[in-house]
mmCIF file of all heavy atoms, coordinates in Angstrom:
data_MODEL
# 
_entry.id   MODEL 
# 
loop_
_atom_site.group_PDB 
_atom_site.id 
_atom_site.type_symbol 
_atom_site.label_atom_id 
_atom_site.label_alt_id 
_atom_site.label_comp_id 
_atom_site.label_asym_id 
_atom_site.label_entity_id 
_atom_site.label_seq_id 
_atom_site.pdbx_PDB_ins_code 
_atom_site.Cartn_x 
_atom_site.Cartn_y 
_atom_site.Cartn_z 
_atom_site.occupancy 
_atom_site.B_iso_or_equiv 
_atom_site.pdbx_formal_charge 
_atom_site.auth_seq_id 
_atom_site.auth_comp_id 
_atom_site.auth_asym_id 
_atom_site.auth_atom_id 
_atom_site.pdbx_PDB_model_num 
ATOM 1   N N   . ALA A 1 1  ? -32.292 96.922 -23.936 1.00 0.00 ? 1  ALA A N   1 
ATOM 2   C CA  . ALA A 1 1  ? -33.303 97.939 -24.070 1.00 0.00 ? 1  ALA A CA  1 
ATOM 3   C C   . ALA A 1 1  ? -34.672 97.433 -23.770 1.00 0.00 ? 1  ALA A C   1 
ATOM 4   O O   . ALA A 1 1  ? -35.553 98.209 -23.394 1.00 0.00 ? 1  ALA A O   1 
ATOM 5   C CB  . ALA A 1 1  ? -33.225 98.431 -25.485 1.00 0.00 ? 1  ALA A CB  1 
ATOM 6   N N   . ALA A 1 2  ? -34.888 96.130 -23.930 1.00 0.00 ? 2  ALA A N   1 
ATOM 7   C CA  . ALA A 1 2  ? -36.200 95.526 -23.652 1.00 0.00 ? 2  ALA A CA  1 
ATOM 8   C C   . ALA A 1 2  ? -36.359 95.212 -22.183 1.00 0.00 ? 2  ALA A C   1 
ATOM 9   O O   . ALA A 1 2  ? -37.377 94.633 -21.811 1.00 0.00 ? 2  ALA A O   1 
ATOM 10  C CB  . ALA A 1 2  ? -36.353 94.224 -24.500 1.00 0.00 ? 2  ALA A CB  1 
ATOM 11  N N   . GLY A 1 3  ? -35.307 95.542 -21.396 1.00 0.00 ? 3  GLY A N   1 
ATOM 12  C CA  . GLY A 1 3  ? -35.438 95.364 -19.936 1.00 0.00 ? 3  GLY A CA  1 
ATOM 13  C C   . GLY A 1 3  ? -35.020 94.065 -19.426 1.00 0.00 ? 3  GLY A C   1 
ATOM 14  O O   . GLY A 1 3  ? -35.265 93.664 -18.255 1.00 0.00 ? 3  GLY A O   1 
ATOM 15  N N   . VAL A 1 4  ? -34.380 93.139 -20.275 1.00 0.00 ? 4  VAL A N   1 
ATOM 16  C CA  . VAL A 1 4  ? -33.842 91.822 -19.939 1.00 0.00 ? 4  VAL A CA  1 
ATOM 17  C C   . VAL A 1 4  ? -32.509 91.925 -19.433 1.00 0.00 ? 4  VAL A C   1 
ATOM 18  O O   . VAL A 1 4  ? -31.567 92.400 -20.023 1.00 0.00 ? 4  VAL A O   1 
ATOM 19  C CB  . VAL A 1 4  ? -33.992 90.823 -21.173 1.00 0.00 ? 4  VAL A CB  1 
ATOM 20  C CG1 . VAL A 1 4  ? -33.471 89.440 -20.683 1.00 0.00 ? 4  VAL A CG1 1 
ATOM 21  C CG2 . VAL A 1 4  ? -35.390 90.720 -21.646 1.00 0.00 ? 4  VAL A CG2 1 
ATOM 22  N N   . ASP A 1 5  ? -32.215 91.468 -18.126 1.00 0.00 ? 5  ASP A N   1 
ATOM 23  C CA  . ASP A 1 5  ? -31.003 91.651 -17.522 1.00 0.00 ? 5  ASP A CA  1 
ATOM 24  C C   . ASP A 1 5  ? -29.986 90.517 -18.006 1.00 0.00 ? 5  ASP A C   1 
ATOM 25  O O   . ASP A 1 5  ? -30.347 89.280 -17.865 1.00 0.00 ? 5  ASP A O   1 
ATOM 26  C CB  . ASP A 1 5  ? -31.194 91.448 -15.953 1.00 0.00 ? 5  ASP A CB  1 
ATOM 27  C CG  . ASP A 1 5  ? -29.817 91.730 -15.234 1.00 0.00 ? 5  ASP A CG  1 
ATOM 28  O OD1 . ASP A 1 5  ? -29.060 92.598 -15.780 1.00 0.00 ? 5  ASP A OD1 1 
ATOM 29  O OD2 . ASP A 1 5  ? -29.708 91.245 -14.029 1.00 0.00 ? 5  ASP A OD2 1 
ATOM 30  N N   . THR A 1 6  ? -28.963 90.911 -18.518 1.00 0.00 ? 6  THR A N   1 
ATOM 31  C CA  . THR A 1 6  ? -27.906 89.913 -19.027 1.00 0.00 ? 6  THR A CA  1 
ATOM 32  C C   . THR A 1 6  ? -26.506 90.542 -18.728 1.00 0.00 ? 6  THR A C   1 
ATOM 33  O O   . THR A 1 6  ? -26.313 91.758 -18.839 1.00 0.00 ? 6  THR A O   1 
ATOM 34  C CB  . THR A 1 6  ? -28.096 89.603 -20.467 1.00 0.00 ? 6  THR A CB  1 
ATOM 35  O OG1 . THR A 1 6  ? -27.120 88.557 -20.824 1.00 0.00 ? 6  THR A OG1 1 
ATOM 36  C CG2 . THR A 1 6  ? -28.013 90.865 -21.371 1.00 0.00 ? 6  THR A CG2 1 
ATOM 37  N N   . LEU A 1 7  ? -25.608 89.736 -18.548 1.00 0.00 ? 7  LEU A N   1 
ATOM 38  C CA  . LEU A 1 7  ? -24.228 90.132 -18.270 1.00 0.00 ? 7  LEU A CA  1 
ATOM 39  C C   . LEU A 1 7  ? -23.485 90.618 -19.600 1.00 0.00 ? 7  LEU A C   1 
ATOM 40  O O   . LEU A 1 7  ? -23.736 90.139 -20.637 1.00 0.00 ? 7  LEU A O   1 
ATOM 41  C CB  . LEU A 1 7  ? -23.331 89.054 -17.637 1.00 0.00 ? 7  LEU A CB  1 
ATOM 42  C CG  . LEU A 1 7  ? -23.897 88.554 -16.289 1.00 0.00 ? 7  LEU A CG  1 
ATOM 43  C CD1 . LEU A 1 7  ? -22.954 87.334 -15.906 1.00 0.00 ? 7  LEU A CD1 1 
ATOM 44  C CD2 . LEU A 1 7  ? -23.654 89.597 -15.209 1.00 0.00 ? 7  LEU A CD2 1 
ATOM 45  N N   . SER A 1 8  ? -22.543 91.584 -19.415 1.00 0.00 ? 8  SER A N   1 
ATOM 46  C CA  . SER A 1 8  ? -21.698 92.118 -20.581 1.00 0.00 ? 8  SER A CA  1 
ATOM 47  C C   . SER A 1 8  ? -20.529 92.719 -19.927 1.00 0.00 ? 8  SER A C   1 
ATOM 48  O O   . SER A 1 8  ? -20.603 93.238 -18.814 1.00 0.00 ? 8  SER A O   1 
ATOM 49  C CB  . SER A 1 8  ? -22.535 92.929 -21.495 1.00 0.00 ? 8  SER A CB  1 
ATOM 50  O OG  . SER A 1 8  ? -22.971 94.056 -20.890 1.00 0.00 ? 8  SER A OG  1 
ATOM 51  N N   . ASP A 1 9  ? -19.534 92.874 -20.795 1.00 0.00 ? 9  ASP A N   1 
ATOM 52  C CA  . ASP A 1 9  ? -18.353 93.613 -20.355 1.00 0.00 ? 9  ASP A CA  1 
ATOM 53  C C   . ASP A 1 9  ? -17.733 94.479 -21.456 1.00 0.00 ? 9  ASP A C   1 
ATOM 54  O O   . ASP A 1 9  ? -17.933 95.607 -21.659 1.00 0.00 ? 9  ASP A O   1 
ATOM 55  C CB  . ASP A 1 9  ? -17.270 92.728 -19.761 1.00 0.00 ? 9  ASP A CB  1 
ATOM 56  C CG  . ASP A 1 9  ? -16.179 93.567 -19.157 1.00 0.00 ? 9  ASP A CG  1 
ATOM 57  O OD1 . ASP A 1 9  ? -16.336 94.563 -18.666 1.00 0.00 ? 9  ASP A OD1 1 
ATOM 58  O OD2 . ASP A 1 9  ? -15.019 92.969 -19.074 1.00 0.00 ? 9  ASP A OD2 1 
ATOM 59  N N   . CYS A 1 10 ? -16.952 93.774 -22.398 1.00 0.00 ? 10 CYS A N   1 
ATOM 60  C CA  . CYS A 1 10 ? -16.112 94.463 -23.372 1.00 0.00 ? 10 CYS A CA  1 
ATOM 61  C C   . CYS A 1 10 ? -16.995 95.148 -24.446 1.00 0.00 ? 10 CYS A C   1 
ATOM 62  O O   . CYS A 1 10 ? -16.654 96.180 -24.986 1.00 0.00 ? 10 CYS A O   1 
ATOM 63  C CB  . CYS A 1 10 ? -15.077 93.587 -23.894 1.00 0.00 ? 10 CYS A CB  1 
ATOM 64  S SG  . CYS A 1 10 ? -15.664 92.398 -25.107 1.00 0.00 ? 10 CYS A SG  1 
ATOM 65  N N   . GLY A 1 11 ? -17.969 94.464 -24.940 1.00 0.00 ? 11 GLY A N   1 
ATOM 66  C CA  . GLY A 1 11 ? -18.821 94.916 -25.963 1.00 0.00 ? 11 GLY A CA  1 
ATOM 67  C C   . GLY A 1 11 ? -18.171 94.827 -27.338 1.00 0.00 ? 11 GLY A C   1 
ATOM 68  O O   . GLY A 1 11 ? -18.935 95.166 -28.308 1.00 0.00 ? 11 GLY A O   1 
ATOM 69  N N   . VAL A 1 12 ? -17.100 94.122 -27.541 1.00 0.00 ? 12 VAL A N   1 
ATOM 70  C CA  . VAL A 1 12 ? -16.475 93.954 -28.821 1.00 0.00 ? 12 VAL A CA  1 
ATOM 71  C C   . VAL A 1 12 ? -16.077 92.543 -29.080 1.00 0.00 ? 12 VAL A C   1 
ATOM 72  O O   . VAL A 1 12 ? -15.328 92.241 -30.093 1.00 0.00 ? 12 VAL A O   1 
ATOM 73  C CB  . VAL A 1 12 ? -15.315 94.854 -29.042 1.00 0.00 ? 12 VAL A CB  1 
ATOM 74  C CG1 . VAL A 1 12 ? -15.752 96.356 -29.018 1.00 0.00 ? 12 VAL A CG1 1 
ATOM 75  C CG2 . VAL A 1 12 ? -14.279 94.560 -27.950 1.00 0.00 ? 12 VAL A CG2 1 
ATOM 76  N N   . GLY A 1 13 ? -16.584 91.550 -28.315 1.00 0.00 ? 13 GLY A N   1 
ATOM 77  C CA  . GLY A 1 13 ? -16.314 90.254 -28.541 1.00 0.00 ? 13 GLY A CA  1 
ATOM 78  C C   . GLY A 1 13 ? -15.034 89.679 -28.056 1.00 0.00 ? 13 GLY A C   1 
ATOM 79  O O   . GLY A 1 13 ? -14.579 88.614 -28.379 1.00 0.00 ? 13 GLY A O   1 
ATOM 80  N N   . ASN A 1 14 ? -14.454 90.322 -27.115 1.00 0.00 ? 14 ASN A N   1 
ATOM 81  C CA  . ASN A 1 14 ? -13.083 89.945 -26.659 1.00 0.00 ? 14 ASN A CA  1 
ATOM 82  C C   . ASN A 1 14 ? -13.183 88.970 -25.440 1.00 0.00 ? 14 ASN A C   1 
ATOM 83  O O   . ASN A 1 14 ? -12.381 88.065 -25.160 1.00 0.00 ? 14 ASN A O   1 
ATOM 84  C CB  . ASN A 1 14 ? -12.249 91.155 -26.138 1.00 0.00 ? 14 ASN A CB  1 
ATOM 85  C CG  . ASN A 1 14 ? -11.623 91.840 -27.282 1.00 0.00 ? 14 ASN A CG  1 
ATOM 86  O OD1 . ASN A 1 14 ? -11.463 91.322 -28.384 1.00 0.00 ? 14 ASN A OD1 1 
ATOM 87  N ND2 . ASN A 1 14 ? -11.406 93.135 -27.121 1.00 0.00 ? 14 ASN A ND2 1 
ATOM 88  N N   . CYS A 1 15 ? -14.263 89.244 -24.506 1.00 0.00 ? 15 CYS A N   1 
ATOM 89  C CA  . CYS A 1 15 ? -14.166 88.596 -23.209 1.00 0.00 ? 15 CYS A CA  1 
ATOM 90  C C   . CYS A 1 15 ? -15.067 87.454 -23.023 1.00 0.00 ? 15 CYS A C   1 
ATOM 91  O O   . CYS A 1 15 ? -14.823 86.523 -22.091 1.00 0.00 ? 15 CYS A O   1 
ATOM 92  C CB  . CYS A 1 15 ? -14.510 89.729 -22.054 1.00 0.00 ? 15 CYS A CB  1 
ATOM 93  S SG  . CYS A 1 15 ? -16.215 90.309 -22.160 1.00 0.00 ? 15 CYS A SG  1 
ATOM 94  N N   . GLY A 1 16 ? -16.207 87.354 -23.737 1.00 0.00 ? 16 GLY A N   1 
ATOM 95  C CA  . GLY A 1 16 ? -17.134 86.162 -23.474 1.00 0.00 ? 16 GLY A CA  1 
ATOM 96  C C   . GLY A 1 16 ? -18.093 86.352 -22.417 1.00 0.00 ? 16 GLY A C   1 
ATOM 97  O O   . GLY A 1 16 ? -18.777 85.515 -22.189 1.00 0.00 ? 16 GLY A O   1 
ATOM 98  N N   . THR A 1 17 ? -18.127 87.505 -21.666 1.00 0.00 ? 17 THR A N   1 
ATOM 99  C CA  . THR A 1 17 ? -18.968 87.717 -20.520 1.00 0.00 ? 17 THR A CA  1 
ATOM 100 C C   . THR A 1 17 ? -20.386 87.549 -20.995 1.00 0.00 ? 17 THR A C   1 
ATOM 101 O O   . THR A 1 17 ? -21.212 87.076 -20.220 1.00 0.00 ? 17 THR A O   1 
ATOM 102 C CB  . THR A 1 17 ? -18.697 89.033 -19.886 1.00 0.00 ? 17 THR A CB  1 
ATOM 103 O OG1 . THR A 1 17 ? -17.357 89.169 -19.657 1.00 0.00 ? 17 THR A OG1 1 
ATOM 104 C CG2 . THR A 1 17 ? -19.561 89.245 -18.689 1.00 0.00 ? 17 THR A CG2 1 
ATOM 105 N N   . CYS A 1 18 ? -20.795 88.058 -22.209 1.00 0.00 ? 18 CYS A N   1 
ATOM 106 C CA  . CYS A 1 18 ? -22.199 88.092 -22.652 1.00 0.00 ? 18 CYS A CA  1 
ATOM 107 C C   . CYS A 1 18 ? -22.623 86.788 -23.229 1.00 0.00 ? 18 CYS A C   1 
ATOM 108 O O   . CYS A 1 18 ? -23.766 86.735 -23.825 1.00 0.00 ? 18 CYS A O   1 
ATOM 109 C CB  . CYS A 1 18 ? -22.400 89.303 -23.550 1.00 0.00 ? 18 CYS A CB  1 
ATOM 110 S SG  . CYS A 1 18 ? -21.575 89.070 -25.161 1.00 0.00 ? 18 CYS A SG  1 
ATOM 111 N N   . ALA A 1 19 ? -21.789 85.717 -23.289 1.00 0.00 ? 19 ALA A N   1 
ATOM 112 C CA  . ALA A 1 19 ? -22.201 84.552 -24.003 1.00 0.00 ? 19 ALA A CA  1 
ATOM 113 C C   . ALA A 1 19 ? -23.426 83.879 -23.433 1.00 0.00 ? 19 ALA A C   1 
ATOM 114 O O   . ALA A 1 19 ? -23.517 83.778 -22.236 1.00 0.00 ? 19 ALA A O   1 
ATOM 115 C CB  . ALA A 1 19 ? -20.998 83.520 -24.027 1.00 0.00 ? 19 ALA A CB  1 
ATOM 116 N N   . VAL A 1 20 ? -24.394 83.496 -24.276 1.00 0.00 ? 20 VAL A N   1 
ATOM 117 C CA  . VAL A 1 20 ? -25.578 82.887 -23.887 1.00 0.00 ? 20 VAL A CA  1 
ATOM 118 C C   . VAL A 1 20 ? -25.722 81.603 -24.761 1.00 0.00 ? 20 VAL A C   1 
ATOM 119 O O   . VAL A 1 20 ? -25.252 81.511 -25.892 1.00 0.00 ? 20 VAL A O   1 
ATOM 120 C CB  . VAL A 1 20 ? -26.767 83.732 -24.034 1.00 0.00 ? 20 VAL A CB  1 
ATOM 121 C CG1 . VAL A 1 20 ? -26.721 84.945 -23.151 1.00 0.00 ? 20 VAL A CG1 1 
ATOM 122 C CG2 . VAL A 1 20 ? -27.017 84.260 -25.480 1.00 0.00 ? 20 VAL A CG2 1 
ATOM 123 N N   . LYS A 1 21 ? -26.571 80.664 -24.334 1.00 0.00 ? 21 LYS A N   1 
ATOM 124 C CA  . LYS A 1 21 ? -26.756 79.409 -25.103 1.00 0.00 ? 21 LYS A CA  1 
ATOM 125 C C   . LYS A 1 21 ? -27.847 79.618 -26.157 1.00 0.00 ? 21 LYS A C   1 
ATOM 126 O O   . LYS A 1 21 ? -28.920 80.153 -25.952 1.00 0.00 ? 21 LYS A O   1 
ATOM 127 C CB  . LYS A 1 21 ? -27.317 78.313 -24.112 1.00 0.00 ? 21 LYS A CB  1 
ATOM 128 C CG  . LYS A 1 21 ? -27.382 76.977 -24.727 1.00 0.00 ? 21 LYS A CG  1 
ATOM 129 C CD  . LYS A 1 21 ? -27.603 75.850 -23.703 1.00 0.00 ? 21 LYS A CD  1 
ATOM 130 C CE  . LYS A 1 21 ? -27.705 74.514 -24.318 1.00 0.00 ? 21 LYS A CE  1 
ATOM 131 N NZ  . LYS A 1 21 ? -26.340 74.195 -25.018 1.00 0.00 ? 21 LYS A NZ  1 
ATOM 132 N N   . VAL A 1 22 ? -27.554 79.145 -27.437 1.00 0.00 ? 22 VAL A N   1 
ATOM 133 C CA  . VAL A 1 22 ? -28.523 79.210 -28.569 1.00 0.00 ? 22 VAL A CA  1 
ATOM 134 C C   . VAL A 1 22 ? -29.293 77.977 -28.558 1.00 0.00 ? 22 VAL A C   1 
ATOM 135 O O   . VAL A 1 22 ? -28.682 76.757 -28.728 1.00 0.00 ? 22 VAL A O   1 
ATOM 136 C CB  . VAL A 1 22 ? -27.708 79.539 -29.783 1.00 0.00 ? 22 VAL A CB  1 
ATOM 137 C CG1 . VAL A 1 22 ? -28.682 79.576 -30.980 1.00 0.00 ? 22 VAL A CG1 1 
ATOM 138 C CG2 . VAL A 1 22 ? -26.932 80.750 -29.713 1.00 0.00 ? 22 VAL A CG2 1 
ATOM 139 N N   . LEU A 1 23 ? -30.619 78.002 -28.473 1.00 0.00 ? 23 LEU A N   1 
ATOM 140 C CA  . LEU A 1 23 ? -31.413 76.821 -28.447 1.00 0.00 ? 23 LEU A CA  1 
ATOM 141 C C   . LEU A 1 23 ? -32.031 76.458 -29.906 1.00 0.00 ? 23 LEU A C   1 
ATOM 142 O O   . LEU A 1 23 ? -32.269 75.251 -30.087 1.00 0.00 ? 23 LEU A O   1 
ATOM 143 C CB  . LEU A 1 23 ? -32.589 77.090 -27.571 1.00 0.00 ? 23 LEU A CB  1 
ATOM 144 C CG  . LEU A 1 23 ? -32.301 77.424 -26.104 1.00 0.00 ? 23 LEU A CG  1 
ATOM 145 C CD1 . LEU A 1 23 ? -33.512 77.757 -25.314 1.00 0.00 ? 23 LEU A CD1 1 
ATOM 146 C CD2 . LEU A 1 23 ? -31.510 76.327 -25.382 1.00 0.00 ? 23 LEU A CD2 1 
ATOM 147 N N   . ASP A 1 24 ? -31.926 77.326 -30.749 1.00 0.00 ? 24 ASP A N   1 
ATOM 148 C CA  . ASP A 1 24 ? -32.368 77.079 -32.109 1.00 0.00 ? 24 ASP A CA  1 
ATOM 149 C C   . ASP A 1 24 ? -31.923 78.297 -33.020 1.00 0.00 ? 24 ASP A C   1 
ATOM 150 O O   . ASP A 1 24 ? -31.805 79.383 -32.649 1.00 0.00 ? 24 ASP A O   1 
ATOM 151 C CB  . ASP A 1 24 ? -34.000 76.966 -32.281 1.00 0.00 ? 24 ASP A CB  1 
ATOM 152 C CG  . ASP A 1 24 ? -34.430 76.424 -33.475 1.00 0.00 ? 24 ASP A CG  1 
ATOM 153 O OD1 . ASP A 1 24 ? -33.679 75.664 -34.139 1.00 0.00 ? 24 ASP A OD1 1 
ATOM 154 O OD2 . ASP A 1 24 ? -35.514 76.711 -33.965 1.00 0.00 ? 24 ASP A OD2 1 
ATOM 155 N N   . GLY A 1 25 ? -31.654 77.916 -34.370 1.00 0.00 ? 25 GLY A N   1 
ATOM 156 C CA  . GLY A 1 25 ? -31.230 78.982 -35.301 1.00 0.00 ? 25 GLY A CA  1 
ATOM 157 C C   . GLY A 1 25 ? -29.775 78.849 -35.547 1.00 0.00 ? 25 GLY A C   1 
ATOM 158 O O   . GLY A 1 25 ? -28.974 78.120 -34.888 1.00 0.00 ? 25 GLY A O   1 
ATOM 159 N N   . GLU A 1 26 ? -29.327 79.602 -36.648 1.00 0.00 ? 26 GLU A N   1 
ATOM 160 C CA  . GLU A 1 26 ? -27.886 79.440 -37.050 1.00 0.00 ? 26 GLU A CA  1 
ATOM 161 C C   . GLU A 1 26 ? -27.213 80.772 -36.783 1.00 0.00 ? 26 GLU A C   1 
ATOM 162 O O   . GLU A 1 26 ? -27.667 81.865 -37.041 1.00 0.00 ? 26 GLU A O   1 
ATOM 163 C CB  . GLU A 1 26 ? -27.954 79.148 -38.607 1.00 0.00 ? 26 GLU A CB  1 
ATOM 164 C CG  . GLU A 1 26 ? -26.557 78.908 -39.142 1.00 0.00 ? 26 GLU A CG  1 
ATOM 165 C CD  . GLU A 1 26 ? -26.508 78.592 -40.687 1.00 0.00 ? 26 GLU A CD  1 
ATOM 166 O OE1 . GLU A 1 26 ? -27.625 78.609 -41.226 1.00 0.00 ? 26 GLU A OE1 1 
ATOM 167 O OE2 . GLU A 1 26 ? -25.490 78.197 -41.119 1.00 0.00 ? 26 GLU A OE2 1 
ATOM 168 N N   . VAL A 1 27 ? -26.090 80.749 -36.159 1.00 0.00 ? 27 VAL A N   1 
ATOM 169 C CA  . VAL A 1 27 ? -25.364 81.791 -35.618 1.00 0.00 ? 27 VAL A CA  1 
ATOM 170 C C   . VAL A 1 27 ? -24.235 82.273 -36.721 1.00 0.00 ? 27 VAL A C   1 
ATOM 171 O O   . VAL A 1 27 ? -23.500 81.450 -37.133 1.00 0.00 ? 27 VAL A O   1 
ATOM 172 C CB  . VAL A 1 27 ? -24.738 81.644 -34.267 1.00 0.00 ? 27 VAL A CB  1 
ATOM 173 C CG1 . VAL A 1 27 ? -24.019 82.879 -33.808 1.00 0.00 ? 27 VAL A CG1 1 
ATOM 174 C CG2 . VAL A 1 27 ? -25.872 81.269 -33.325 1.00 0.00 ? 27 VAL A CG2 1 
# 
């Protein structure tokens, strides 16, 4: 929504397409 282009596919956590690297913080 903020206009940042990022990959995605299933939307429910099945495929891993939207996975990004976390540089700081607890997930």
